[in-house]
PDB file of all heavy atoms in Angstrom:
ATOM      1  N   GLU A   1      56.560  10.469  -8.865  1.00  0.00           N
ATOM      2  CA  GLU A   1      56.199  11.680  -8.116  1.00  0.00           C
ATOM      3  C   GLU A   1      55.739  12.835  -9.002  1.00  0.00           C
ATOM      4  O   GLU A   1      54.993  13.684  -8.608  1.00  0.00           O
ATOM      5  CB  GLU A   1      57.387  12.159  -7.281  1.00  0.00           C
ATOM      6  CG  GLU A   1      57.869  11.119  -6.246  1.00  0.00           C
ATOM      7  CD  GLU A   1      59.203  11.537  -5.586  1.00  0.00           C
ATOM      8  OE1 GLU A   1      59.594  12.764  -5.774  1.00  0.00           O
ATOM      9  OE2 GLU A   1      59.803  10.735  -4.944  1.00  0.00           O
ATOM     10  N   GLY A   2      56.327  12.885 -10.252  1.00  0.00           N
ATOM     11  CA  GLY A   2      56.275  14.052 -11.075  1.00  0.00           C
ATOM     12  C   GLY A   2      57.612  14.775 -10.959  1.00  0.00           C
ATOM     13  O   GLY A   2      58.431  14.518 -10.100  1.00  0.00           O
ATOM     14  N   GLY A   3      57.872  15.679 -11.877  1.00  0.00           N
ATOM     15  CA  GLY A   3      59.164  16.359 -11.886  1.00  0.00           C
ATOM     16  C   GLY A   3      60.274  15.457 -12.192  1.00  0.00           C
ATOM     17  O   GLY A   3      60.229  14.634 -13.113  1.00  0.00           O
ATOM     18  N   ARG A   4      61.361  15.500 -11.377  1.00  0.00           N
ATOM     19  CA  ARG A   4      62.574  14.697 -11.736  1.00  0.00           C
ATOM     20  C   ARG A   4      62.451  13.227 -11.338  1.00  0.00           C
ATOM     21  O   ARG A   4      63.274  12.420 -11.780  1.00  0.00           O
ATOM     22  CB  ARG A   4      63.838  15.312 -11.110  1.00  0.00           C
ATOM     23  CG  ARG A   4      63.772  15.538  -9.595  1.00  0.00           C
ATOM     24  CD  ARG A   4      64.957  16.411  -9.187  1.00  0.00           C
ATOM     25  NE  ARG A   4      64.704  17.139  -7.946  1.00  0.00           N
ATOM     26  CZ  ARG A   4      65.303  16.894  -6.822  1.00  0.00           C
ATOM     27  NH1 ARG A   4      66.230  15.952  -6.772  1.00  0.00           N
ATOM     28  NH2 ARG A   4      65.052  17.567  -5.729  1.00  0.00           N
ATOM     29  N   VAL A   5      61.450  12.872 -10.528  1.00  0.00           N
ATOM     30  CA  VAL A   5      61.215  11.467 -10.235  1.00  0.00           C
ATOM     31  C   VAL A   5      60.016  11.022 -11.037  1.00  0.00           C
ATOM     32  O   VAL A   5      58.830  11.122 -10.637  1.00  0.00           O
ATOM     33  CB  VAL A   5      60.991  11.227  -8.720  1.00  0.00           C
ATOM     34  CG1 VAL A   5      60.729   9.742  -8.452  1.00  0.00           C
ATOM     35  CG2 VAL A   5      62.186  11.714  -7.918  1.00  0.00           C
ATOM     36  N   HIS A   6      60.282  10.632 -12.302  1.00  0.00           N
ATOM     37  CA  HIS A   6      59.229  10.467 -13.339  1.00  0.00           C
ATOM     38  C   HIS A   6      59.591   9.272 -14.206  1.00  0.00           C
ATOM     39  O   HIS A   6      60.440   9.378 -15.048  1.00  0.00           O
ATOM     40  CB  HIS A   6      59.134  11.754 -14.165  1.00  0.00           C
ATOM     41  CG  HIS A   6      57.821  11.998 -14.760  1.00  0.00           C
ATOM     42  ND1 HIS A   6      57.210  11.146 -15.696  1.00  0.00           N
ATOM     43  CD2 HIS A   6      56.941  13.005 -14.596  1.00  0.00           C
ATOM     44  CE1 HIS A   6      56.045  11.662 -16.038  1.00  0.00           C
ATOM     45  NE2 HIS A   6      55.840  12.784 -15.375  1.00  0.00           N
ATOM     46  N   ARG A   7      58.972   8.123 -13.955  1.00  0.00           N
ATOM     47  CA  ARG A   7      59.378   6.900 -14.617  1.00  0.00           C
ATOM     48  C   ARG A   7      58.732   6.700 -15.991  1.00  0.00           C
ATOM     49  O   ARG A   7      59.289   6.018 -16.847  1.00  0.00           O
ATOM     50  CB  ARG A   7      59.067   5.695 -13.757  1.00  0.00           C
ATOM     51  CG  ARG A   7      59.542   5.808 -12.321  1.00  0.00           C
ATOM     52  CD  ARG A   7      60.995   6.089 -12.156  1.00  0.00           C
ATOM     53  NE  ARG A   7      61.367   6.133 -10.763  1.00  0.00           N
ATOM     54  CZ  ARG A   7      62.535   6.538 -10.308  1.00  0.00           C
ATOM     55  NH1 ARG A   7      63.487   6.890 -11.177  1.00  0.00           N
ATOM     56  NH2 ARG A   7      62.798   6.564  -9.006  1.00  0.00           N
ATOM     57  N   LEU A   8      57.558   7.259 -16.191  1.00  0.00           N
ATOM     58  CA  LEU A   8      56.839   7.094 -17.423  1.00  0.00           C
ATOM     59  C   LEU A   8      57.088   8.255 -18.385  1.00  0.00           C
ATOM     60  O   LEU A   8      56.789   9.419 -18.081  1.00  0.00           O
ATOM     61  CB  LEU A   8      55.338   6.976 -17.201  1.00  0.00           C
ATOM     62  CG  LEU A   8      54.789   5.573 -16.778  1.00  0.00           C
ATOM     63  CD1 LEU A   8      55.401   5.140 -15.442  1.00  0.00           C
ATOM     64  CD2 LEU A   8      53.294   5.588 -16.707  1.00  0.00           C
ATOM     65  N   LYS A   9      57.677   7.928 -19.547  1.00  0.00           N
ATOM     66  CA  LYS A   9      57.993   8.979 -20.534  1.00  0.00           C
ATOM     67  C   LYS A   9      56.880   9.129 -21.508  1.00  0.00           C
ATOM     68  O   LYS A   9      55.892   8.371 -21.516  1.00  0.00           O
ATOM     69  CB  LYS A   9      59.305   8.553 -21.235  1.00  0.00           C
ATOM     70  CG  LYS A   9      60.473   8.188 -20.337  1.00  0.00           C
ATOM     71  CD  LYS A   9      60.746   9.288 -19.365  1.00  0.00           C
ATOM     72  CE  LYS A   9      61.938   8.955 -18.419  1.00  0.00           C
ATOM     73  NZ  LYS A   9      62.097   9.891 -17.336  1.00  0.00           N
ATOM     74  N   PRO A  10      56.956  10.135 -22.430  1.00  0.00           N
ATOM     75  CA  PRO A  10      55.907  10.301 -23.415  1.00  0.00           C
ATOM     76  C   PRO A  10      55.721   9.012 -24.205  1.00  0.00           C
ATOM     77  O   PRO A  10      56.677   8.244 -24.404  1.00  0.00           O
ATOM     78  CB  PRO A  10      56.476  11.389 -24.328  1.00  0.00           C
ATOM     79  CG  PRO A  10      57.418  12.175 -23.454  1.00  0.00           C
ATOM     80  CD  PRO A  10      57.996  11.160 -22.519  1.00  0.00           C
ATOM     81  N   PRO A  11      54.494   8.667 -24.575  1.00  0.00           N
ATOM     82  CA  PRO A  11      53.271   9.508 -24.648  1.00  0.00           C
ATOM     83  C   PRO A  11      52.512   9.666 -23.350  1.00  0.00           C
ATOM     84  O   PRO A  11      51.471  10.288 -23.313  1.00  0.00           O
ATOM     85  CB  PRO A  11      52.399   8.762 -25.683  1.00  0.00           C
ATOM     86  CG  PRO A  11      52.702   7.325 -25.411  1.00  0.00           C
ATOM     87  CD  PRO A  11      54.190   7.289 -25.130  1.00  0.00           C
ATOM     88  N   PHE A  12      53.036   9.109 -22.244  1.00  0.00           N
ATOM     89  CA  PHE A  12      52.349   9.338 -20.944  1.00  0.00           C
ATOM     90  C   PHE A  12      52.483  10.797 -20.569  1.00  0.00           C
ATOM     91  O   PHE A  12      53.436  11.501 -20.981  1.00  0.00           O
ATOM     92  CB  PHE A  12      52.975   8.436 -19.875  1.00  0.00           C
ATOM     93  CG  PHE A  12      52.674   6.988 -20.090  1.00  0.00           C
ATOM     94  CD1 PHE A  12      53.643   6.165 -20.629  1.00  0.00           C
ATOM     95  CD2 PHE A  12      51.459   6.449 -19.699  1.00  0.00           C
ATOM     96  CE1 PHE A  12      53.395   4.814 -20.837  1.00  0.00           C
ATOM     97  CE2 PHE A  12      51.178   5.102 -19.916  1.00  0.00           C
ATOM     98  CZ  PHE A  12      52.160   4.271 -20.474  1.00  0.00           C
ATOM     99  N   THR A  13      51.561  11.300 -19.793  1.00  0.00           N
ATOM    100  CA  THR A  13      51.595  12.643 -19.324  1.00  0.00           C
ATOM    101  C   THR A  13      52.877  12.962 -18.559  1.00  0.00           C
ATOM    102  O   THR A  13      53.311  12.143 -17.777  1.00  0.00           O
ATOM    103  CB  THR A  13      50.383  12.931 -18.399  1.00  0.00           C
ATOM    104  OG1 THR A  13      49.194  12.598 -19.085  1.00  0.00           O
ATOM    105  CG2 THR A  13      50.314  14.399 -17.969  1.00  0.00           C
ATOM    106  N   GLN A  14      53.447  14.115 -18.802  1.00  0.00           N
ATOM    107  CA  GLN A  14      54.656  14.552 -18.077  1.00  0.00           C
ATOM    108  C   GLN A  14      54.208  15.505 -16.957  1.00  0.00           C
ATOM    109  O   GLN A  14      53.912  16.686 -17.229  1.00  0.00           O
ATOM    110  CB  GLN A  14      55.639  15.173 -19.052  1.00  0.00           C
ATOM    111  CG  GLN A  14      56.069  14.238 -20.176  1.00  0.00           C
ATOM    112  CD  GLN A  14      56.684  12.941 -19.626  1.00  0.00           C
ATOM    113  OE1 GLN A  14      57.833  12.943 -19.133  1.00  0.00           O
ATOM    114  NE2 GLN A  14      55.960  11.857 -19.721  1.00  0.00           N
ATOM    115  N   TRP A  15      54.187  14.994 -15.774  1.00  0.00           N
ATOM    116  CA  TRP A  15      53.624  15.717 -14.634  1.00  0.00           C
ATOM    117  C   TRP A  15      54.709  16.628 -14.013  1.00  0.00           C
ATOM    118  O   TRP A  15      55.843  16.278 -13.919  1.00  0.00           O
ATOM    119  CB  TRP A  15      53.146  14.761 -13.592  1.00  0.00           C
ATOM    120  CG  TRP A  15      52.100  13.791 -14.118  1.00  0.00           C
ATOM    121  CD1 TRP A  15      52.320  12.538 -14.594  1.00  0.00           C
ATOM    122  CD2 TRP A  15      50.691  14.059 -14.278  1.00  0.00           C
ATOM    123  NE1 TRP A  15      51.116  11.979 -15.020  1.00  0.00           N
ATOM    124  CE2 TRP A  15      50.102  12.891 -14.829  1.00  0.00           C
ATOM    125  CE3 TRP A  15      49.883  15.135 -13.984  1.00  0.00           C
ATOM    126  CZ2 TRP A  15      48.764  12.793 -15.126  1.00  0.00           C
ATOM    127  CZ3 TRP A  15      48.542  15.057 -14.247  1.00  0.00           C
ATOM    128  CH2 TRP A  15      47.978  13.905 -14.842  1.00  0.00           C
ATOM    129  N   PRO A  16      54.295  17.794 -13.513  1.00  0.00           N
ATOM    130  CA  PRO A  16      55.253  18.722 -12.865  1.00  0.00           C
ATOM    131  C   PRO A  16      55.604  18.222 -11.480  1.00  0.00           C
ATOM    132  O   PRO A  16      54.987  17.324 -10.909  1.00  0.00           O
ATOM    133  CB  PRO A  16      54.472  20.020 -12.770  1.00  0.00           C
ATOM    134  CG  PRO A  16      53.005  19.612 -12.702  1.00  0.00           C
ATOM    135  CD  PRO A  16      52.923  18.385 -13.570  1.00  0.00           C
ATOM    136  N   ALA A  17      56.654  18.792 -10.946  1.00  0.00           N
ATOM    137  CA  ALA A  17      57.069  18.464  -9.564  1.00  0.00           C
ATOM    138  C   ALA A  17      56.075  18.996  -8.546  1.00  0.00           C
ATOM    139  O   ALA A  17      55.327  19.948  -8.810  1.00  0.00           O
ATOM    140  CB  ALA A  17      58.442  19.115  -9.295  1.00  0.00           C
ATOM    141  N   LEU A  18      56.084  18.366  -7.399  1.00  0.00           N
ATOM    142  CA  LEU A  18      55.133  18.798  -6.315  1.00  0.00           C
ATOM    143  C   LEU A  18      55.383  20.227  -5.901  1.00  0.00           C
ATOM    144  O   LEU A  18      54.477  20.901  -5.451  1.00  0.00           O
ATOM    145  CB  LEU A  18      55.257  17.881  -5.086  1.00  0.00           C
ATOM    146  CG  LEU A  18      54.672  16.465  -5.164  1.00  0.00           C
ATOM    147  CD1 LEU A  18      54.653  15.851  -3.788  1.00  0.00           C
ATOM    148  CD2 LEU A  18      53.277  16.481  -5.761  1.00  0.00           C
ATOM    149  N   GLY A  19      56.650  20.697  -6.022  1.00  0.00           N
ATOM    150  CA  GLY A  19      56.936  22.054  -5.642  1.00  0.00           C
ATOM    151  C   GLY A  19      56.074  23.084  -6.399  1.00  0.00           C
ATOM    152  O   GLY A  19      55.712  24.113  -5.896  1.00  0.00           O
ATOM    153  N   ASN A  20      55.691  22.755  -7.649  1.00  0.00           N
ATOM    154  CA  ASN A  20      54.799  23.663  -8.399  1.00  0.00           C
ATOM    155  C   ASN A  20      53.424  23.731  -7.751  1.00  0.00           C
ATOM    156  O   ASN A  20      52.811  24.790  -7.783  1.00  0.00           O
ATOM    157  CB  ASN A  20      54.656  23.116  -9.833  1.00  0.00           C
ATOM    158  CG  ASN A  20      55.931  23.171 -10.635  1.00  0.00           C
ATOM    159  OD1 ASN A  20      56.948  22.788 -10.145  1.00  0.00           O
ATOM    160  ND2 ASN A  20      55.886  23.640 -11.870  1.00  0.00           N
ATOM    161  N   LEU A  21      52.952  22.611  -7.219  1.00  0.00           N
ATOM    162  CA  LEU A  21      51.668  22.672  -6.536  1.00  0.00           C
ATOM    163  C   LEU A  21      51.713  23.560  -5.280  1.00  0.00           C
ATOM    164  O   LEU A  21      50.731  24.247  -4.973  1.00  0.00           O
ATOM    165  CB  LEU A  21      51.252  21.216  -6.128  1.00  0.00           C
ATOM    166  CG  LEU A  21      51.041  20.250  -7.246  1.00  0.00           C
ATOM    167  CD1 LEU A  21      50.673  18.863  -6.676  1.00  0.00           C
ATOM    168  CD2 LEU A  21      49.963  20.713  -8.214  1.00  0.00           C
ATOM    169  N   GLY A  22      52.850  23.546  -4.613  1.00  0.00           N
ATOM    170  CA  GLY A  22      53.013  24.414  -3.475  1.00  0.00           C
ATOM    171  C   GLY A  22      52.966  25.886  -3.831  1.00  0.00           C
ATOM    172  O   GLY A  22      52.430  26.711  -3.058  1.00  0.00           O
ATOM    173  N   VAL A  23      53.493  26.200  -4.999  1.00  0.00           N
ATOM    174  CA  VAL A  23      53.459  27.605  -5.466  1.00  0.00           C
ATOM    175  C   VAL A  23      52.052  28.038  -5.776  1.00  0.00           C
ATOM    176  O   VAL A  23      51.622  29.149  -5.401  1.00  0.00           O
ATOM    177  CB  VAL A  23      54.381  27.782  -6.693  1.00  0.00           C
ATOM    178  CG1 VAL A  23      54.212  29.192  -7.309  1.00  0.00           C
ATOM    179  CG2 VAL A  23      55.842  27.520  -6.349  1.00  0.00           C
ATOM    180  N   ILE A  24      51.290  27.163  -6.422  1.00  0.00           N
ATOM    181  CA  ILE A  24      49.869  27.434  -6.681  1.00  0.00           C
ATOM    182  C   ILE A  24      49.103  27.488  -5.386  1.00  0.00           C
ATOM    183  O   ILE A  24      48.193  28.311  -5.198  1.00  0.00           O
ATOM    184  CB  ILE A  24      49.308  26.366  -7.662  1.00  0.00           C
ATOM    185  CG1 ILE A  24      50.043  26.408  -8.981  1.00  0.00           C
ATOM    186  CG2 ILE A  24      47.796  26.561  -7.882  1.00  0.00           C
ATOM    187  CD1 ILE A  24      49.712  25.234  -9.898  1.00  0.00           C
ATOM    188  N   ASP A  25      49.407  26.536  -4.484  1.00  0.00           N
ATOM    189  CA  ASP A  25      48.859  26.493  -3.141  1.00  0.00           C
ATOM    190  C   ASP A  25      47.350  26.385  -3.093  1.00  0.00           C
ATOM    191  O   ASP A  25      46.679  27.142  -2.334  1.00  0.00           O
ATOM    192  CB  ASP A  25      49.349  27.664  -2.314  1.00  0.00           C
ATOM    193  CG  ASP A  25      49.233  27.389  -0.800  1.00  0.00           C
ATOM    194  OD1 ASP A  25      49.172  26.243  -0.426  1.00  0.00           O
ATOM    195  OD2 ASP A  25      49.235  28.398  -0.009  1.00  0.00           O
ATOM    196  N   ASN A  26      46.815  25.491  -3.915  1.00  0.00           N
ATOM    197  CA  ASN A  26      45.371  25.218  -3.904  1.00  0.00           C
ATOM    198  C   ASN A  26      45.166  23.740  -3.745  1.00  0.00           C
ATOM    199  O   ASN A  26      45.432  22.962  -4.686  1.00  0.00           O
ATOM    200  CB  ASN A  26      44.761  25.724  -5.221  1.00  0.00           C
ATOM    201  CG  ASN A  26      43.231  25.575  -5.252  1.00  0.00           C
ATOM    202  OD1 ASN A  26      42.679  24.604  -4.668  1.00  0.00           O
ATOM    203  ND2 ASN A  26      42.580  26.508  -5.905  1.00  0.00           N
ATOM    204  N   PRO A  27      44.753  23.256  -2.551  1.00  0.00           N
ATOM    205  CA  PRO A  27      44.589  21.854  -2.294  1.00  0.00           C
ATOM    206  C   PRO A  27      43.659  21.125  -3.314  1.00  0.00           C
ATOM    207  O   PRO A  27      43.856  19.955  -3.575  1.00  0.00           O
ATOM    208  CB  PRO A  27      44.063  21.730  -0.913  1.00  0.00           C
ATOM    209  CG  PRO A  27      44.535  23.002  -0.251  1.00  0.00           C
ATOM    210  CD  PRO A  27      44.467  24.041  -1.329  1.00  0.00           C
ATOM    211  N   THR A  28      42.689  21.837  -3.845  1.00  0.00           N
ATOM    212  CA  THR A  28      41.782  21.235  -4.844  1.00  0.00           C
ATOM    213  C   THR A  28      42.582  20.819  -6.076  1.00  0.00           C
ATOM    214  O   THR A  28      42.355  19.749  -6.654  1.00  0.00           O
ATOM    215  CB  THR A  28      40.651  22.195  -5.219  1.00  0.00           C
ATOM    216  OG1 THR A  28      39.906  22.568  -4.033  1.00  0.00           O
ATOM    217  CG2 THR A  28      39.734  21.561  -6.229  1.00  0.00           C
ATOM    218  N   ILE A  29      43.494  21.691  -6.479  1.00  0.00           N
ATOM    219  CA  ILE A  29      44.360  21.353  -7.641  1.00  0.00           C
ATOM    220  C   ILE A  29      45.216  20.153  -7.305  1.00  0.00           C
ATOM    221  O   ILE A  29      45.464  19.253  -8.127  1.00  0.00           O
ATOM    222  CB  ILE A  29      45.168  22.578  -8.061  1.00  0.00           C
ATOM    223  CG1 ILE A  29      44.237  23.642  -8.654  1.00  0.00           C
ATOM    224  CG2 ILE A  29      46.238  22.182  -9.090  1.00  0.00           C
ATOM    225  CD1 ILE A  29      44.919  24.928  -9.020  1.00  0.00           C
ATOM    226  N   SER A  30      45.792  20.120  -6.095  1.00  0.00           N
ATOM    227  CA  SER A  30      46.633  18.980  -5.686  1.00  0.00           C
ATOM    228  C   SER A  30      45.831  17.704  -5.683  1.00  0.00           C
ATOM    229  O   SER A  30      46.324  16.630  -6.123  1.00  0.00           O
ATOM    230  CB  SER A  30      47.190  19.220  -4.294  1.00  0.00           C
ATOM    231  OG  SER A  30      48.082  20.322  -4.315  1.00  0.00           O
ATOM    232  N   TYR A  31      44.579  17.760  -5.266  1.00  0.00           N
ATOM    233  CA  TYR A  31      43.727  16.571  -5.295  1.00  0.00           C
ATOM    234  C   TYR A  31      43.527  16.046  -6.735  1.00  0.00           C
ATOM    235  O   TYR A  31      43.710  14.899  -7.029  1.00  0.00           O
ATOM    236  CB  TYR A  31      42.339  16.902  -4.694  1.00  0.00           C
ATOM    237  CG  TYR A  31      41.308  15.833  -4.936  1.00  0.00           C
ATOM    238  CD1 TYR A  31      41.226  14.697  -4.167  1.00  0.00           C
ATOM    239  CD2 TYR A  31      40.362  16.016  -5.944  1.00  0.00           C
ATOM    240  CE1 TYR A  31      40.245  13.745  -4.379  1.00  0.00           C
ATOM    241  CE2 TYR A  31      39.396  15.078  -6.205  1.00  0.00           C
ATOM    242  CZ  TYR A  31      39.361  13.921  -5.399  1.00  0.00           C
ATOM    243  OH  TYR A  31      38.361  12.954  -5.656  1.00  0.00           O
ATOM    244  N   HIS A  32      43.223  16.966  -7.637  1.00  0.00           N
ATOM    245  CA  HIS A  32      42.965  16.577  -9.020  1.00  0.00           C
ATOM    246  C   HIS A  32      44.304  16.149  -9.725  1.00  0.00           C
ATOM    247  O   HIS A  32      44.262  15.297 -10.609  1.00  0.00           O
ATOM    248  CB  HIS A  32      42.310  17.697  -9.788  1.00  0.00           C
ATOM    249  CG  HIS A  32      40.871  17.875  -9.413  1.00  0.00           C
ATOM    250  ND1 HIS A  32      39.912  16.945  -9.759  1.00  0.00           N
ATOM    251  CD2 HIS A  32      40.223  18.868  -8.728  1.00  0.00           C
ATOM    252  CE1 HIS A  32      38.708  17.337  -9.311  1.00  0.00           C
ATOM    253  NE2 HIS A  32      38.876  18.492  -8.661  1.00  0.00           N
ATOM    254  N   PHE A  33      45.419  16.732  -9.332  1.00  0.00           N
ATOM    255  CA  PHE A  33      46.734  16.289  -9.833  1.00  0.00           C
ATOM    256  C   PHE A  33      46.954  14.793  -9.488  1.00  0.00           C
ATOM    257  O   PHE A  33      47.260  13.997 -10.371  1.00  0.00           O
ATOM    258  CB  PHE A  33      47.827  17.144  -9.180  1.00  0.00           C
ATOM    259  CG  PHE A  33      49.228  16.624  -9.334  1.00  0.00           C
ATOM    260  CD1 PHE A  33      49.986  17.014 -10.464  1.00  0.00           C
ATOM    261  CD2 PHE A  33      49.794  15.810  -8.413  1.00  0.00           C
ATOM    262  CE1 PHE A  33      51.320  16.564 -10.590  1.00  0.00           C
ATOM    263  CE2 PHE A  33      51.098  15.359  -8.528  1.00  0.00           C
ATOM    264  CZ  PHE A  33      51.877  15.743  -9.612  1.00  0.00           C
ATOM    265  N   ALA A  34      46.767  14.472  -8.224  1.00  0.00           N
ATOM    266  CA  ALA A  34      46.995  13.070  -7.815  1.00  0.00           C
ATOM    267  C   ALA A  34      45.969  12.121  -8.414  1.00  0.00           C
ATOM    268  O   ALA A  34      46.297  11.023  -8.841  1.00  0.00           O
ATOM    269  CB  ALA A  34      46.962  12.998  -6.271  1.00  0.00           C
ATOM    270  N   LYS A  35      44.726  12.585  -8.487  1.00  0.00           N
ATOM    271  CA  LYS A  35      43.669  11.752  -9.071  1.00  0.00           C
ATOM    272  C   LYS A  35      43.943  11.488 -10.565  1.00  0.00           C
ATOM    273  O   LYS A  35      43.848  10.331 -11.044  1.00  0.00           O
ATOM    274  CB  LYS A  35      42.312  12.427  -8.908  1.00  0.00           C
ATOM    275  CG  LYS A  35      41.141  11.571  -9.442  1.00  0.00           C
ATOM    276  CD  LYS A  35      39.809  12.318  -9.302  1.00  0.00           C
ATOM    277  CE  LYS A  35      38.705  11.550  -9.977  1.00  0.00           C
ATOM    278  NZ  LYS A  35      37.431  12.288  -9.961  1.00  0.00           N
TER     279      LYS A  35
END
């Protein structure tokens, strides 16, 4: 998911929690996050 549910450790990207996307509140960013 990102955040605390994060199975892939470095060197893989460490993704933020979805809650951060809600704070930014821009669906275009959410789309690019998931992509």
